[in-house]
C-alpha atoms as a PDB file:
ATOM      1  CA  MET A   1    -165.899-151.230  11.045  1.00  0.00           C
ATOM      2  CA  LYS A   2    -164.482-153.796  13.459  1.00  0.00           C
ATOM      3  CA  GLU A   3    -167.353-156.178  12.805  1.00  0.00           C
ATOM      4  CA  PHE A   4    -166.955-155.806   9.042  1.00  0.00           C
ATOM      5  CA  ILE A   5    -163.251-156.615   9.192  1.00  0.00           C
ATOM      6  CA  LEU A   6    -163.744-159.566  11.519  1.00  0.00           C
ATOM      7  CA  LYS A   7    -166.547-160.930   9.345  1.00  0.00           C
ATOM      8  CA  ARG A   8    -164.231-160.935   6.324  1.00  0.00           C
ATOM      9  CA  GLU A   9    -161.077-161.757   8.225  1.00  0.00           C
ATOM     10  CA  ARG A  10    -159.802-164.392   5.794  1.00  0.00           C
ATOM     11  CA  ILE A  11    -160.080-162.017   2.851  1.00  0.00           C
ATOM     12  CA  PHE A  12    -158.138-159.286   4.660  1.00  0.00           C
ATOM     13  CA  HIS A  13    -155.565-161.819   5.841  1.00  0.00           C
ATOM     14  CA  PHE A  14    -155.043-163.112   2.302  1.00  0.00           C
ATOM     15  CA  LEU A  15    -154.787-159.594   0.867  1.00  0.00           C
ATOM     16  CA  SER A  16    -152.257-158.634   3.537  1.00  0.00           C
ATOM     17  CA  LEU A  17    -150.105-161.631   2.696  1.00  0.00           C
ATOM     18  CA  ALA A  18    -150.412-160.820  -1.012  1.00  0.00           C
ATOM     19  CA  ILE A  19    -149.195-157.269  -0.353  1.00  0.00           C
ATOM     20  CA  ILE A  20    -146.226-158.620   1.608  1.00  0.00           C
ATOM     21  CA  ALA A  21    -145.424-161.049  -1.217  1.00  0.00           C
ATOM     22  CA  LEU A  22    -145.670-158.207  -3.739  1.00  0.00           C
ATOM     23  CA  SER A  23    -142.985-156.293  -1.861  1.00  0.00           C
ATOM     24  CA  LEU A  24    -140.509-159.081  -2.652  1.00  0.00           C
ATOM     25  CA  PHE A  25    -140.674-158.290  -6.371  1.00  0.00           C
ATOM     26  CA  LEU A  26    -140.209-154.526  -6.156  1.00  0.00           C
ATOM     27  CA  LYS A  27    -136.781-153.040  -6.847  1.00  0.00           C
ATOM     28  CA  VAL A  28    -137.146-149.501  -5.474  1.00  0.00           C
ATOM     29  CA  PRO A  29    -136.432-149.549  -1.708  1.00  0.00           C
ATOM     30  CA  GLU A  30    -139.064-146.905  -0.899  1.00  0.00           C
ATOM     31  CA  GLN A  31    -141.791-148.864  -2.682  1.00  0.00           C
ATOM     32  CA  LYS A  32    -140.585-152.094  -1.109  1.00  0.00           C
ATOM     33  CA  LEU A  33    -140.734-150.601   2.393  1.00  0.00           C
ATOM     34  CA  GLY A  34    -144.118-148.978   1.787  1.00  0.00           C
ATOM     35  CA  THR A  35    -145.802-152.147   0.577  1.00  0.00           C
ATOM     36  CA  LEU A  36    -144.153-154.293   3.251  1.00  0.00           C
ATOM     37  CA  ILE A  37    -145.223-151.981   6.067  1.00  0.00           C
ATOM     38  CA  THR A  38    -148.743-151.745   4.614  1.00  0.00           C
ATOM     39  CA  GLY A  39    -149.071-155.537   4.633  1.00  0.00           C
ATOM     40  CA  ILE A  40    -147.678-155.875   8.140  1.00  0.00           C
ATOM     41  CA  LEU A  41    -149.941-153.074   9.407  1.00  0.00           C
ATOM     42  CA  CYS A  42    -152.977-154.861   7.974  1.00  0.00           C
ATOM     43  CA  LEU A  43    -151.985-158.025   9.830  1.00  0.00           C
ATOM     44  CA  LEU A  44    -151.353-155.947  12.966  1.00  0.00           C
ATOM     45  CA  ILE A  45    -154.830-154.432  12.766  1.00  0.00           C
ATOM     46  CA  LEU A  46    -156.388-157.877  12.338  1.00  0.00           C
ATOM     47  CA  SER A  47    -154.479-159.134  15.373  1.00  0.00           C
ATOM     48  CA  PHE A  48    -155.541-156.082  17.361  1.00  0.00           C
ATOM     49  CA  PHE A  49    -159.216-156.682  16.560  1.00  0.00           C
ATOM     50  CA  LYS A  50    -158.912-160.356  17.522  1.00  0.00           C
ATOM     51  CA  ASN A  51    -157.060-159.492  20.777  1.00  0.00           C
ATOM     52  CA  GLN A  52    -153.991-161.590  19.921  1.00  0.00           C
ATOM     53  CA  LYS A  53    -151.408-159.924  22.150  1.00  0.00           C
ATOM     54  CA  TYR A  54    -148.393-161.990  21.084  1.00  0.00           C
ATOM     55  CA  LEU A  55    -148.981-161.436  17.380  1.00  0.00           C
ATOM     56  CA  ILE A  56    -149.302-157.709  17.977  1.00  0.00           C
ATOM     57  CA  TRP A  57    -145.788-157.722  19.448  1.00  0.00           C
ATOM     58  CA  VAL A  58    -144.454-159.899  16.623  1.00  0.00           C
ATOM     59  CA  TYR A  59    -145.856-157.601  13.940  1.00  0.00           C
ATOM     60  CA  ALA A  60    -144.587-154.506  15.759  1.00  0.00           C
ATOM     61  CA  ILE A  61    -141.089-156.028  15.847  1.00  0.00           C
ATOM     62  CA  LEU A  62    -141.379-156.872  12.141  1.00  0.00           C
ATOM     63  CA  ILE A  63    -142.212-153.242  11.354  1.00  0.00           C
ATOM     64  CA  VAL A  64    -139.115-152.097  13.236  1.00  0.00           C
ATOM     65  CA  ALA A  65    -137.012-154.751  11.479  1.00  0.00           C
ATOM     66  CA  ALA A  66    -138.320-153.573   8.103  1.00  0.00           C
ATOM     67  CA  GLY A  67    -137.275-150.027   8.972  1.00  0.00           C
ATOM     68  CA  VAL A  68    -133.794-151.193   9.978  1.00  0.00           C
ATOM     69  CA  PHE A  69    -133.477-153.245   6.797  1.00  0.00           C
ATOM     70  CA  TYR A  70    -134.527-150.222   4.732  1.00  0.00           C
ATOM     71  CA  TYR A  71    -131.901-148.097   6.489  1.00  0.00           C
ATOM     72  CA  VAL A  72    -129.211-150.678   5.760  1.00  0.00           C
ATOM     73  CA  MET A  73    -130.297-150.958   2.103  1.00  0.00           C
ATOM     74  CA  THR A  74    -130.309-147.210   1.476  1.00  0.00           C
ATOM     75  CA  THR A  75    -126.993-146.433   3.194  1.00  0.00           C
ATOM     76  CA  GLY A  76    -125.196-148.663   0.692  1.00  0.00           C
ATOM     77  CA  LYS A  77    -124.158-151.483   2.994  1.00  0.00           C
ATOM     78  CA  LEU A  78    -126.536-153.948   1.378  1.00  0.00           C
ATOM     79  CA  ASN A  79    -126.968-152.691  -2.198  1.00  0.00           C
ATOM     80  CA  SER A  80    -126.116-156.030  -3.789  1.00  0.00           C
ATOM     81  CA  LEU A  81    -129.691-157.279  -3.266  1.00  0.00           C
END
């Protein structure tokens, strides 16, 4: 599985970025969070397979930030977006 993903790394990278871009156009917060986390997790897995330690930390922080942003959006403090 690892070899398959690394062989087609550019395709998976592009699809991950497309999923992240798709999350920008969704209105429902649950769908937005789900697609955003899916895209970031795909990038995290690619970084893990390529042994890129710094990017693993960056993507992990982005996942936490997405969760915090979702919490702020759903509690009503940032509903104007």
